[in-house]
Each structure stands twice: as C-alpha cells, then as structure tokens.
Amino acid sequence: MLGADVIVPIPIVPGIPILAAMGALSTVLVNRDVSVFHDGLRPLMPSLRSGEMTRQQVAKISFSLALAFIWAFGLPYSVGFVIPLIYLVYIATDYIGVRLPAVYDRRWWQGRTNLLGVGGSLVLGALWGAGVALLLHYLAVGMDNLPVPMAAGTALFTAPVAQTFFLFPVLTTAYHFGFRPALVAFGAATIFWFVASQFAWALPSVWAFGAALLVMTVLLVREARSSGSSAGQVPAGWLTVDEDEEGAPSWASDADEDESEDAMFRDNVRRIKGNLPLIALLAGLGGAAYHWGVVAMDPLSSHLYAIGFVVPAAMVMLMWAFAFIPMKFTTAVVTGTMATGTFLEPVVAMVMHNVWAAAIGVAVLRVVEVFLLLAVIGWIERWPSIREVADVMRTAIFQVMEIGFLVGGALAAAAWAGTWGVGVVVAAWFLNIRAKSPVMPMSLGAIAALGVGVVVNLMAVLGLHLHL
C-alpha cells in the first residue's frame, strides 16, 4: 500500500509536534538566510545580506506577501475536513525569520544579536506551527457543529479539479505549441478517457492526463532536440568579435563576465552546501508531514491524497515540480538561498510505505537537489524550451484551478444554501472582476462559498432557514 490513511481534520498528534518543529527550524533557516519559501522573497535576500536593504524593508515586503497568501489562498483551502496547505506555516515563518535580527558575517552562536535571532526564531516559529495545527483542528470541529454543518462541504472546493487536471498538459500545449497540437492532446485525452470508462479502468481522468502528457512530452522533446542542435552549431558568446572602446575584443570581456558570474554561482552553491544538514533535516520533517497528510503543497493533490488516490496526487505534484523547479533552482543559484520546497518532496513522501521511509527519502532528495543545482541550471540553459514550457505550464495550472475552484465553490455553496448559494458565488466572481480582482481569482470560489456558509448559519441562529 502506498501512502498513509489520512485523518481529517488535522490531528493534534502528530499535527502539533511536527508543525511546531517545522515552524521552528524553517524560521531559523530564514533568519540565517539559508532557506526561504516564497519565490518573491528569495531574490531580496542578497540585498539583505549586503546591507543594501534594511531588515525592516524586507520584513515589510514579506508581510505583504504573507498576508495575501494566508487569507487569499492558504486559509480557504485549509479549513474543514481537508489536508491544510503548508503555505500557512512557511509563509509566516518567512516573515518571522527576516523580522528577527541577524549578523551574517558571524556564526549563529557568535554575538548577542545572532543568539537573540536564532532563539527567537525557534520559539516564535514553534509557536506559530503549533498554533496553526490547533487552530485548524478546532476550526474544523466547530464548523462541523454549526446549525448548517460546513466542514465536510469544504472538500467540494477542489472536487471538480480532481477530475479535470488532465487539462494541465492540454493548456500548456496550447500556450506553447499552438491550437492544433492542443487539439491533438485533447483528442488523445478524450479517447483514453472513453476507453478507460468502457473497460472500467480506475480513474479515467488519470488515463486522460497520461495521454495528454505524452503528446506534450513528444512535442517538447522534438523542440528541445531542434533547439539543441541549432545551439550546438554556433557556440554561445562567440557570435561577434567587435572591439570595445579600449581596443579589446568584446567577446573577451564577455568571457570574463561569464567567468565571474560562474564563480559567483559556485560560491552561492557552496554557501548552500555549508548548511546542508539543517536543510535536509527540515526536508525530512516535511516528508513525514506530507506522508501523514498533516500538510500538503497544493489543494488538488491534497484532495486526491486524502481520498486515497496516491498516484494521481503524485502525478499532479510532478506537474507542479516541472513548472516551478527551473525558477526555484535558478533563484537558489543566483541568490545563495535555497528554496524551502521544490514540489518534488510530496511526490516522494506520498508514494512511500511508511513515515520513516518518507522522511529519509525526502531528506536524501533534498541533498541530491542541492548537489544538482548547477547541473540542472546548465541543462535548462542548454535546452531553453524546458524553461519556456515550465513558464506557460504555471499559467495553465493556475487557470484550470481558477475555473475548477470557482465551480467547486459553487458546489459547496449549493450544499449549504441551494441555488441562492450558487448565485452568490457567481455574483462574487463578476463583482471581483469589476473591483479589479482584490481577491485572488483562484481563491474566490472558496472564499465566496465560505461567506455563504457564514450567512446561512447566522440566519439559522435567527430562525431563518433555506429549504434545499
């Protein structure tokens, strides 16, 4: 048997201990500028180390990023009878870590400032992680005991996307390769869906996903080979031999710049490797949490894993990994600060047979990722099609989830408030557009549905009920 039996809402044990440990360690790593979760915060860390930006400036940016992700994405998909998202922990520990003091030209135990920063990180990070576990547990219990129970309905938020994730490679193909190749991918997915249904194969959506992914992969390999052959014909950086103002060949100065840049990248990777034991330890804790179903990396994989569909959940996370690894590895090499997660960790954790194997497997994976940083960046630069497809794949994933989660919000609202609830969710979508999207579109369906649930429960307290 793959994976684990998931218990929702998040159990007190192991929920509190493991999230407290992850909160404490992740905050320390952020405070020491070793590992940062949010992709928008990581590029600022070199400026913080060098003194170009103050800690208050970076903390202010981190707070705005954290606030947006927690209320508009992390929380709506973490309440009720679902696996909560890790964003609730790591986004906040990013802020706590950069807010607390640190001196980077001294070791963590040297000086009162560093001891204060590390000690405060341990305490505040642990309190935040434990608090998240407690809050989500009792919030779900409370939601289940309302006059109109809401906890079970939250699983409907992600239910439509659980059947339509085969569109991830279809839309990616459309964005990058064009309309006709996308029709081929969609046609292949449709045929495999019907065949799977005809022969009663489990999960037709998974077969459809595999067919569409195969078409996209074939197109990507063909394009990568073509671009690789073209790149191999003319060495990059040696296209011209113009002279600069001082009479030196310009390609010579370009080569010097490239060599300096390569040296900086190697130094950044050495910096990350110097902190590898703690990075691997945090990854191991995350592996245990993902395996137990204490947290998840995205709402869709959490839904699939919670209902026992381990392989489909892992396939979804592989798509996320392909879409984000080029960006995460690049920022790690450029900044010298490792990404706290690369979306591969849940894949390994979910397919393991027990929690110890999950923890060790993910820790080993993180070590391998660190040692492959430069090699992966080299492969991406050699085949730029990979980065281009990864970029559009992020867009495709987000757009499928936006529409799917809107439908899911409407389903949940209908379960709590009938057709009136559906109308509220649809109205919220258009009002949000009119207001220039103050709420993240991907979260709007869930937030609107939760609002519907609150209203019908308030009305129920007043003695007013909808006849569904």
Protein backbone atom coordinates (compact mmCIF):
# COMPACT_ATOMS: atom_id res chain seq x y z
CA MET A 1 0.00 0.00 0.00
CA LEU A 2 1.28 3.43 -0.93
CA GLY A 3 0.81 6.50 1.23
CA ALA A 4 -1.00 6.61 4.56
CA ASP A 5 -4.52 6.69 5.91
CA VAL A 6 -5.25 10.40 6.14
CA ILE A 7 -7.15 11.71 9.16
CA VAL A 8 -9.07 14.95 8.82
CA PRO A 9 -9.30 17.40 10.45
CA ILE A 10 -5.59 17.63 11.18
CA PRO A 11 -5.00 15.51 14.32
CA ILE A 12 -3.49 17.00 17.47
CA VAL A 13 -0.84 14.28 17.33
CA PRO A 14 1.24 14.30 15.18
CA GLY A 15 -0.06 17.67 13.96
CA ILE A 16 1.18 19.91 16.76
CA PRO A 17 4.66 18.37 17.29
CA ILE A 18 5.61 18.14 13.63
CA LEU A 19 4.29 21.56 12.61
CA ALA A 20 5.96 23.10 15.65
CA ALA A 21 9.27 21.51 14.66
CA MET A 22 8.88 22.58 11.02
CA GLY A 23 7.93 26.12 12.09
CA ALA A 24 10.92 26.42 14.42
CA LEU A 25 13.53 25.08 12.01
CA SER A 26 12.21 26.89 8.94
CA THR A 27 12.25 30.20 10.84
CA VAL A 28 15.86 29.66 11.89
CA LEU A 29 16.88 28.90 8.29
CA VAL A 30 15.17 32.07 7.08
CA ASN A 31 16.76 34.11 9.85
CA ARG A 32 20.20 32.82 8.87
CA ASP A 33 19.39 33.32 5.14
CA VAL A 34 19.80 29.62 4.39
CA SER A 35 16.40 28.71 3.01
CA VAL A 36 13.33 30.81 2.10
CA PHE A 37 9.92 29.55 0.99
CA HIS A 38 8.36 32.38 -1.02
CA ASP A 39 9.78 32.80 -4.51
CA GLY A 40 9.18 36.55 -4.38
CA LEU A 41 11.18 36.98 -1.18
CA ARG A 42 14.24 34.91 -2.08
CA PRO A 43 15.68 37.42 -4.61
CA LEU A 44 15.76 40.08 -1.88
CA MET A 45 17.98 38.08 0.46
CA PRO A 46 21.35 39.02 -1.13
CA SER A 47 20.41 42.69 -0.66
CA LEU A 48 19.63 41.97 2.98
CA ARG A 49 22.97 40.21 3.46
CA SER A 50 24.91 43.04 1.84
CA GLY A 51 23.07 45.80 3.70
CA GLU A 52 21.54 47.33 0.55
CA MET A 53 18.12 46.74 2.12
CA THR A 54 17.30 47.00 5.79
CA ARG A 55 15.66 44.22 7.73
CA GLN A 56 12.58 46.40 8.19
CA GLN A 57 12.25 46.91 4.42
CA VAL A 58 12.50 43.20 3.65
CA ALA A 59 10.17 42.33 6.53
CA LYS A 60 7.56 44.78 5.21
CA ILE A 61 7.60 43.12 1.80
CA SER A 62 7.49 39.67 3.39
CA PHE A 63 4.49 40.67 5.49
CA SER A 64 2.52 41.84 2.46
CA LEU A 65 3.33 38.58 0.65
CA ALA A 66 2.40 36.52 3.69
CA LEU A 67 -0.86 38.31 4.34
CA ALA A 68 -2.01 37.91 0.74
CA PHE A 69 -1.19 34.19 0.58
CA ILE A 70 -2.57 33.28 4.00
CA TRP A 71 -6.01 34.84 3.73
CA ALA A 72 -6.49 34.59 -0.03
CA PHE A 73 -5.03 31.14 -0.73
CA GLY A 74 -3.67 29.21 2.23
CA LEU A 75 -6.58 29.53 4.65
CA PRO A 76 -9.63 28.97 2.39
CA TYR A 77 -8.25 25.62 1.23
CA SER A 78 -7.07 24.55 4.68
CA VAL A 79 -10.27 24.74 6.73
CA GLY A 80 -12.72 21.94 7.37
CA PHE A 81 -12.22 18.28 6.52
CA VAL A 82 -9.26 18.74 4.17
CA ILE A 83 -5.48 18.50 4.37
CA PRO A 84 -4.18 22.01 5.15
CA LEU A 85 -1.62 23.74 2.94
CA ILE A 86 1.99 24.24 4.04
CA TYR A 87 1.72 27.90 2.98
CA LEU A 88 0.09 28.66 6.33
CA VAL A 89 3.32 27.69 8.10
CA TYR A 90 6.16 28.65 5.78
CA ILE A 91 4.80 31.97 4.53
CA ALA A 92 4.57 33.23 8.10
CA THR A 93 7.94 31.80 9.17
CA ASP A 94 9.49 33.68 6.25
CA TYR A 95 8.26 36.90 7.81
CA ILE A 96 9.28 35.98 11.37
CA GLY A 97 12.75 34.94 10.21
CA VAL A 98 13.53 38.13 8.30
CA ARG A 99 12.00 40.29 11.02
CA LEU A 100 14.25 38.97 13.79
CA PRO A 101 17.85 40.29 13.95
CA ALA A 102 20.90 38.57 12.46
CA VAL A 103 24.52 39.36 11.65
CA TYR A 104 25.69 37.33 8.67
CA ASP A 105 29.43 37.83 8.92
CA ARG A 106 29.45 35.86 12.19
CA ARG A 107 28.31 32.33 13.07
CA TRP A 108 24.86 31.85 14.58
CA TRP A 109 26.23 31.36 18.10
CA GLN A 110 28.58 34.34 17.94
CA GLY A 111 27.25 37.54 19.43
CA ARG A 112 24.13 38.52 21.29
CA THR A 113 22.31 39.60 18.12
CA ASN A 114 22.62 36.19 16.48
CA LEU A 115 21.69 34.30 19.63
CA LEU A 116 18.63 36.52 20.01
CA GLY A 117 17.64 35.98 16.38
CA VAL A 118 18.08 32.20 16.45
CA GLY A 119 16.47 31.81 19.87
CA GLY A 120 13.53 33.98 18.92
CA SER A 121 13.17 32.09 15.64
CA LEU A 122 12.97 28.76 17.45
CA VAL A 123 10.37 29.96 19.93
CA LEU A 124 8.17 32.04 17.63
CA GLY A 125 8.37 29.56 14.75
CA ALA A 126 7.40 26.67 17.00
CA LEU A 127 4.51 28.64 18.48
CA TRP A 128 3.24 29.56 15.03
CA GLY A 129 3.41 25.96 13.76
CA ALA A 130 1.70 24.57 16.83
CA GLY A 131 -0.89 27.36 16.72
CA VAL A 132 -1.74 26.57 13.10
CA ALA A 133 -2.31 22.91 13.98
CA LEU A 134 -4.54 23.80 16.94
CA LEU A 135 -6.49 26.44 15.02
CA LEU A 136 -7.25 24.23 12.04
CA HIS A 137 -8.23 21.27 14.19
CA TYR A 138 -10.70 23.12 16.36
CA LEU A 139 -11.94 25.28 13.49
CA ALA A 140 -12.94 22.12 11.63
CA VAL A 141 -14.59 20.69 14.73
CA GLY A 142 -16.50 23.93 15.22
CA MET A 143 -17.56 24.07 11.56
CA ASP A 144 -18.93 20.55 11.85
CA ASN A 145 -21.12 21.51 14.80
CA LEU A 146 -22.78 24.57 13.27
CA PRO A 147 -26.55 24.66 12.66
CA VAL A 148 -25.69 24.16 8.99
CA PRO A 149 -22.53 21.98 9.16
CA MET A 150 -19.78 23.21 6.83
CA ALA A 151 -16.70 21.08 7.49
CA ALA A 152 -17.49 18.25 5.07
CA GLY A 153 -18.54 20.65 2.31
CA THR A 154 -15.07 22.21 2.10
CA ALA A 155 -13.86 19.09 0.27
CA LEU A 156 -16.10 20.16 -2.64
CA PHE A 157 -13.87 23.19 -3.28
CA THR A 158 -11.34 21.04 -5.10
CA ALA A 159 -13.58 18.21 -6.31
CA PRO A 160 -14.03 19.49 -9.92
CA VAL A 161 -10.30 19.97 -10.49
CA ALA A 162 -9.69 16.45 -9.22
CA GLN A 163 -11.34 15.25 -12.44
CA THR A 164 -10.08 17.94 -14.83
CA PHE A 165 -6.38 18.06 -14.05
CA PHE A 166 -5.78 16.30 -17.39
CA LEU A 167 -6.18 19.81 -18.82
CA PHE A 168 -2.83 20.89 -17.33
CA PRO A 169 -0.78 19.46 -20.24
CA VAL A 170 -3.53 20.30 -22.75
CA LEU A 171 -3.47 24.02 -21.94
CA THR A 172 0.31 24.01 -21.71
CA THR A 173 0.44 22.56 -25.21
CA ALA A 174 -1.98 25.24 -26.41
CA TYR A 175 0.03 28.10 -24.94
CA HIS A 176 3.43 26.93 -26.15
CA PHE A 177 2.87 24.81 -29.26
CA GLY A 178 -0.36 26.23 -30.65
CA PHE A 179 -4.02 25.40 -31.17
CA ARG A 180 -3.73 22.34 -33.42
CA PRO A 181 -1.25 20.45 -31.22
CA ALA A 182 -3.53 21.23 -28.27
CA LEU A 183 -6.46 19.68 -30.16
CA VAL A 184 -4.36 16.55 -30.67
CA ALA A 185 -3.57 16.44 -26.94
CA PHE A 186 -7.21 16.99 -26.02
CA GLY A 187 -8.35 14.36 -28.54
CA ALA A 188 -5.89 11.80 -27.18
CA ALA A 189 -7.05 12.56 -23.64
CA THR A 190 -10.69 12.18 -24.65
CA ILE A 191 -10.10 8.85 -26.40
CA PHE A 192 -8.24 7.44 -23.40
CA TRP A 193 -10.97 8.70 -21.04
CA PHE A 194 -13.66 6.84 -23.07
CA VAL A 195 -11.55 3.70 -23.38
CA ALA A 196 -10.84 3.69 -19.65
CA SER A 197 -14.53 4.12 -18.93
CA GLN A 198 -15.52 1.41 -21.41
CA PHE A 199 -13.21 -1.17 -19.83
CA ALA A 200 -13.93 0.03 -16.28
CA TRP A 201 -10.33 1.07 -15.64
CA ALA A 202 -9.87 3.02 -12.44
CA LEU A 203 -9.74 6.81 -12.64
CA PRO A 204 -10.34 7.68 -16.32
CA SER A 205 -9.03 11.20 -15.64
CA VAL A 206 -5.60 9.75 -14.88
CA TRP A 207 -5.51 7.91 -18.20
CA ALA A 208 -6.58 11.09 -19.96
CA PHE A 209 -3.84 13.02 -18.14
CA GLY A 210 -1.23 10.45 -19.21
CA ALA A 211 -2.30 10.67 -22.86
CA ALA A 212 -2.20 14.47 -22.94
CA LEU A 213 1.13 14.50 -21.10
CA LEU A 214 2.59 12.05 -23.62
CA VAL A 215 1.63 14.31 -26.52
CA MET A 216 3.12 17.35 -24.77
CA THR A 217 6.32 15.44 -23.94
CA VAL A 218 6.81 14.28 -27.52
CA LEU A 219 6.41 17.85 -28.77
CA LEU A 220 8.80 19.16 -26.13
CA VAL A 221 11.48 16.56 -26.91
CA ARG A 222 11.26 17.35 -30.62
CA GLU A 223 11.58 21.07 -29.97
CA ALA A 224 14.39 20.61 -27.44
CA ARG A 225 16.38 18.47 -29.88
CA SER A 226 15.87 21.02 -32.63
CA SER A 227 16.93 23.97 -30.49
CA GLY A 228 19.79 21.96 -29.02
CA SER A 229 21.13 21.18 -32.49
CA SER A 230 20.89 24.82 -33.50
CA ALA A 231 22.64 25.95 -30.35
CA GLY A 232 25.37 23.41 -30.92
CA GLN A 233 26.18 24.79 -34.35
CA VAL A 234 27.30 28.21 -33.06
CA PRO A 235 28.89 28.47 -29.61
CA ALA A 236 27.07 30.99 -27.46
CA GLY A 237 29.01 34.15 -26.66
CA TRP A 238 31.27 33.89 -29.74
CA LEU A 239 28.99 35.30 -32.39
CA THR A 240 30.89 38.57 -32.92
CA VAL A 241 34.41 39.82 -32.41
CA ASP A 242 33.81 43.55 -32.29
CA GLU A 243 36.28 45.72 -30.41
CA ASP A 244 35.30 47.78 -27.41
CA GLU A 245 36.39 51.36 -26.72
CA GLU A 246 39.81 50.26 -25.44
CA GLY A 247 40.53 48.10 -28.45
CA ALA A 248 39.97 44.76 -26.72
CA PRO A 249 37.75 42.17 -28.41
CA SER A 250 34.29 42.37 -26.89
CA TRP A 251 33.99 38.60 -26.68
CA ALA A 252 36.95 38.63 -24.30
CA SER A 253 35.18 40.94 -21.87
CA ASP A 254 32.02 38.85 -22.26
CA ALA A 255 34.00 35.75 -21.38
CA ASP A 256 35.41 37.47 -18.30
CA GLU A 257 31.90 38.44 -17.23
CA ASP A 258 30.66 34.88 -17.75
CA GLU A 259 33.58 33.51 -15.75
CA SER A 260 32.88 35.94 -12.92
CA GLU A 261 29.21 35.03 -12.95
CA ASP A 262 30.02 31.32 -12.89
CA ALA A 263 32.32 31.86 -9.94
CA MET A 264 29.57 33.70 -8.09
CA PHE A 265 27.13 30.88 -8.77
CA ARG A 266 29.62 28.30 -7.48
CA ASP A 267 30.17 30.36 -4.33
CA ASN A 268 26.41 30.58 -3.79
CA VAL A 269 26.03 26.82 -4.13
CA ARG A 270 28.92 26.27 -1.70
CA ARG A 271 27.11 28.53 0.74
CA ILE A 272 24.00 26.38 0.47
CA LYS A 273 26.02 23.17 0.83
CA GLY A 274 27.58 24.53 4.02
CA ASN A 275 24.13 24.41 5.63
CA LEU A 276 23.03 21.13 4.09
CA PRO A 277 22.45 19.15 7.34
CA LEU A 278 19.78 21.59 8.56
CA ILE A 279 18.26 21.89 5.08
CA ALA A 280 17.98 18.10 4.87
CA LEU A 281 16.53 17.89 8.38
CA LEU A 282 13.75 20.33 7.52
CA ALA A 283 13.07 18.39 4.32
CA GLY A 284 12.84 15.17 6.33
CA LEU A 285 10.30 16.72 8.70
CA GLY A 286 8.32 17.87 5.68
CA GLY A 287 8.47 14.36 4.21
CA ALA A 288 6.91 12.93 7.37
CA ALA A 289 4.21 15.63 7.37
CA TYR A 290 3.34 15.08 3.70
CA HIS A 291 3.17 11.31 4.17
CA TRP A 292 0.88 11.56 7.20
CA GLY A 293 -1.35 14.05 5.43
CA VAL A 294 -0.70 16.69 8.07
CA VAL A 295 0.01 19.24 5.32
CA ALA A 296 0.04 19.38 1.53
CA MET A 297 1.67 21.56 -1.10
CA ASP A 298 -1.42 22.34 -3.17
CA PRO A 299 -5.22 21.96 -2.81
CA LEU A 300 -5.63 19.49 -5.66
CA SER A 301 -3.01 16.95 -4.59
CA SER A 302 -4.28 17.23 -1.01
CA HIS A 303 -7.80 16.31 -2.18
CA LEU A 304 -6.59 13.31 -4.18
CA TYR A 305 -4.28 12.08 -1.43
CA ALA A 306 -6.95 12.46 1.25
CA ILE A 307 -9.33 10.16 -0.63
CA GLY A 308 -6.61 7.57 -1.25
CA PHE A 309 -5.59 8.39 -4.83
CA VAL A 310 -1.85 8.42 -4.17
CA VAL A 311 -0.53 8.02 -7.71
CA PRO A 312 -2.77 10.75 -9.20
CA ALA A 313 -1.76 13.07 -6.36
CA ALA A 314 1.91 12.37 -7.09
CA MET A 315 1.35 13.00 -10.81
CA VAL A 316 -0.18 16.39 -10.07
CA MET A 317 2.80 17.31 -7.92
CA LEU A 318 5.17 16.23 -10.70
CA MET A 319 3.49 18.76 -12.95
CA TRP A 320 3.96 21.44 -10.29
CA ALA A 321 7.59 20.39 -9.93
CA PHE A 322 8.24 20.66 -13.67
CA ALA A 323 6.59 24.08 -13.73
CA PHE A 324 8.48 25.51 -10.76
CA ILE A 325 11.87 23.78 -10.49
CA PRO A 326 13.56 25.91 -13.20
CA MET A 327 12.58 29.07 -11.32
CA LYS A 328 13.36 27.71 -7.85
CA PHE A 329 16.75 26.29 -8.82
CA THR A 330 17.67 29.47 -10.69
CA THR A 331 16.86 31.74 -7.75
CA ALA A 332 18.77 29.42 -5.41
CA VAL A 333 21.91 29.60 -7.56
CA VAL A 334 21.62 33.34 -8.13
CA THR A 335 20.87 34.29 -4.52
CA GLY A 336 22.71 31.67 -2.47
CA THR A 337 19.47 30.96 -0.60
CA MET A 338 17.83 27.57 -1.09
CA ALA A 339 14.13 27.19 -1.83
CA THR A 340 12.38 25.59 1.13
CA GLY A 341 10.37 23.34 -1.18
CA THR A 342 10.57 22.33 -4.85
CA PHE A 343 7.30 20.33 -5.15
CA LEU A 344 9.18 17.03 -5.58
CA GLU A 345 9.15 16.34 -1.85
CA PRO A 346 5.44 15.42 -1.65
CA VAL A 347 5.89 13.07 -4.62
CA VAL A 348 8.49 11.03 -2.74
CA ALA A 349 6.66 11.28 0.59
CA MET A 350 3.26 10.19 -0.73
CA VAL A 351 4.46 7.06 -2.52
CA MET A 352 6.44 5.71 0.44
CA HIS A 353 5.08 2.83 2.53
CA ASN A 354 5.78 4.36 5.95
CA VAL A 355 6.63 7.66 7.55
CA TRP A 356 10.29 6.83 8.23
CA ALA A 357 10.91 5.97 4.60
CA ALA A 358 9.15 9.20 3.61
CA ALA A 359 11.28 11.32 5.94
CA ILE A 360 14.57 9.71 4.90
CA GLY A 361 13.64 9.67 1.22
CA VAL A 362 12.77 13.36 1.13
CA ALA A 363 15.91 14.29 3.11
CA VAL A 364 18.05 12.38 0.60
CA LEU A 365 16.15 14.02 -2.26
CA ARG A 366 16.96 17.47 -0.86
CA VAL A 367 20.68 16.59 -0.68
CA VAL A 368 20.58 15.41 -4.30
CA GLU A 369 18.76 18.60 -5.34
CA VAL A 370 21.44 20.78 -3.76
CA PHE A 371 24.26 18.88 -5.45
CA LEU A 372 22.47 19.07 -8.81
CA LEU A 373 21.73 22.79 -8.70
CA LEU A 374 24.42 23.85 -11.15
CA ALA A 375 23.92 20.83 -13.40
CA VAL A 376 20.17 21.44 -13.70
CA ILE A 377 20.73 25.12 -14.48
CA GLY A 378 23.19 24.05 -17.18
CA TRP A 379 20.64 21.67 -18.71
CA ILE A 380 17.96 24.37 -18.67
CA GLU A 381 20.29 26.85 -20.38
CA ARG A 382 21.19 24.22 -22.98
CA TRP A 383 17.53 23.47 -23.72
CA PRO A 384 15.64 26.77 -23.24
CA SER A 385 12.41 25.11 -24.36
CA ILE A 386 12.20 23.47 -20.94
CA ARG A 387 12.12 26.82 -19.17
CA GLU A 388 9.64 28.24 -21.68
CA VAL A 389 7.25 25.30 -21.27
CA ALA A 390 7.62 25.45 -17.49
CA ASP A 391 6.64 29.13 -17.55
CA VAL A 392 3.45 28.56 -19.54
CA MET A 393 2.65 25.44 -17.53
CA ARG A 394 2.36 27.58 -14.40
CA THR A 395 -0.16 29.74 -16.22
CA ALA A 396 -2.08 26.67 -17.42
CA ILE A 397 -2.23 25.14 -13.94
CA PHE A 398 -3.43 28.38 -12.36
CA GLN A 399 -6.13 28.95 -14.98
CA VAL A 400 -7.53 25.42 -14.73
CA MET A 401 -7.58 25.75 -10.96
CA GLU A 402 -9.26 29.17 -11.13
CA ILE A 403 -12.23 27.85 -13.08
CA GLY A 404 -12.32 24.50 -11.31
CA PHE A 405 -12.23 26.05 -7.85
CA LEU A 406 -14.95 28.50 -8.85
CA VAL A 407 -17.17 25.55 -9.78
CA GLY A 408 -16.13 23.83 -6.55
CA GLY A 409 -17.10 26.89 -4.55
CA ALA A 410 -20.49 26.90 -6.27
CA LEU A 411 -20.97 23.21 -5.39
CA ALA A 412 -20.12 23.83 -1.73
CA ALA A 413 -22.39 26.88 -1.60
CA ALA A 414 -25.20 24.82 -3.15
CA ALA A 415 -24.72 22.15 -0.48
CA TRP A 416 -25.12 24.78 2.24
CA ALA A 417 -27.57 27.21 0.67
CA GLY A 418 -29.05 25.70 -2.50
CA THR A 419 -29.39 27.77 -5.65
CA TRP A 420 -29.09 31.03 -3.71
CA GLY A 421 -25.56 29.98 -2.73
CA VAL A 422 -24.65 29.31 -6.36
CA GLY A 423 -25.91 32.75 -7.29
CA VAL A 424 -23.79 34.38 -4.62
CA VAL A 425 -20.62 32.66 -5.88
CA VAL A 426 -21.31 33.67 -9.48
CA ALA A 427 -22.08 37.24 -8.41
CA ALA A 428 -18.88 37.35 -6.35
CA TRP A 429 -16.87 36.37 -9.43
CA PHE A 430 -18.21 39.26 -11.51
CA LEU A 431 -18.01 41.76 -8.66
CA ASN A 432 -14.40 40.78 -8.08
CA ILE A 433 -13.60 41.44 -11.73
CA ARG A 434 -15.41 44.77 -11.53
CA ALA A 435 -13.35 45.68 -8.46
CA LYS A 436 -10.12 44.78 -10.37
CA SER A 437 -9.64 41.46 -8.54
CA PRO A 438 -8.89 42.40 -4.92
CA VAL A 439 -9.34 38.70 -4.13
CA MET A 440 -7.03 36.19 -5.83
CA PRO A 441 -9.20 34.62 -8.61
CA MET A 442 -8.02 31.12 -7.71
CA SER A 443 -9.39 31.59 -4.17
CA LEU A 444 -12.58 33.47 -4.98
CA GLY A 445 -14.86 30.44 -5.22
CA ALA A 446 -13.77 29.11 -1.83
CA ILE A 447 -13.94 32.50 -0.11
CA ALA A 448 -17.39 33.28 -1.56
CA ALA A 449 -18.67 29.84 -0.54
CA LEU A 450 -17.35 30.27 2.99
CA GLY A 451 -19.15 33.60 3.12
CA VAL A 452 -22.36 31.84 2.06
CA GLY A 453 -21.87 29.32 4.85
CA VAL A 454 -21.44 32.06 7.42
CA VAL A 455 -24.60 33.86 6.26
CA VAL A 456 -26.83 30.76 6.30
CA ASN A 457 -25.61 29.88 9.79
CA LEU A 458 -26.31 33.40 11.06
CA MET A 459 -29.77 33.18 9.54
CA ALA A 460 -30.27 29.76 11.13
CA VAL A 461 -29.47 31.25 14.55
CA LEU A 462 -32.20 33.83 13.88
CA GLY A 463 -34.63 31.06 12.94
CA LEU A 464 -34.49 31.58 9.15
CA HIS A 465 -33.76 28.50 7.05
CA LEU A 466 -33.48 27.79 3.35
CA HIS A 467 -35.46 24.81 2.03
CA LEU A 468 -32.99 22.99 -0.20
